[in-house]
């Protein structure tokens, strides 16, 4: 069995849309993926089932814009899930400049963040970093 994250599913969906795949193709793709449903979290299974229902007719089809929005939402939610807890393999920590601003030790990018998750992602270099606020939020 395979496993898939929300972020990965969102990226795959957006790639299919960007490459010009039809709604019917996306429905078949989702149906094929759902054959591996036992290893997927229930939320992923439900999304794949809804996408595969698009094969049943136009009344079940999402627009391409709705599918892009779904892809973006999955990517965003997947990233949040990934950043929720500290990742021990990562050693770098963002620098807290004040209560609203962080700085990346790698690229010196400064960004506004009020996240209390275990990890943050630098918007400049995209590195995951430990969040200096994490322990204070517990």
Foldseek 3Di string as FASTA:
>chain_A
DDEDALQRVLVVLVVCVVVPHDLQVQLVVLVVVLVPVVRYDPVSNVVSVLSVCPNVDVVSTDDSVVSNVSSVVSNVVRVCVVQQEADVVDDAAWDDPDQFWTAGPPPRDIDGDNDLGQWDARPPPRDIHGYPNNVVVD
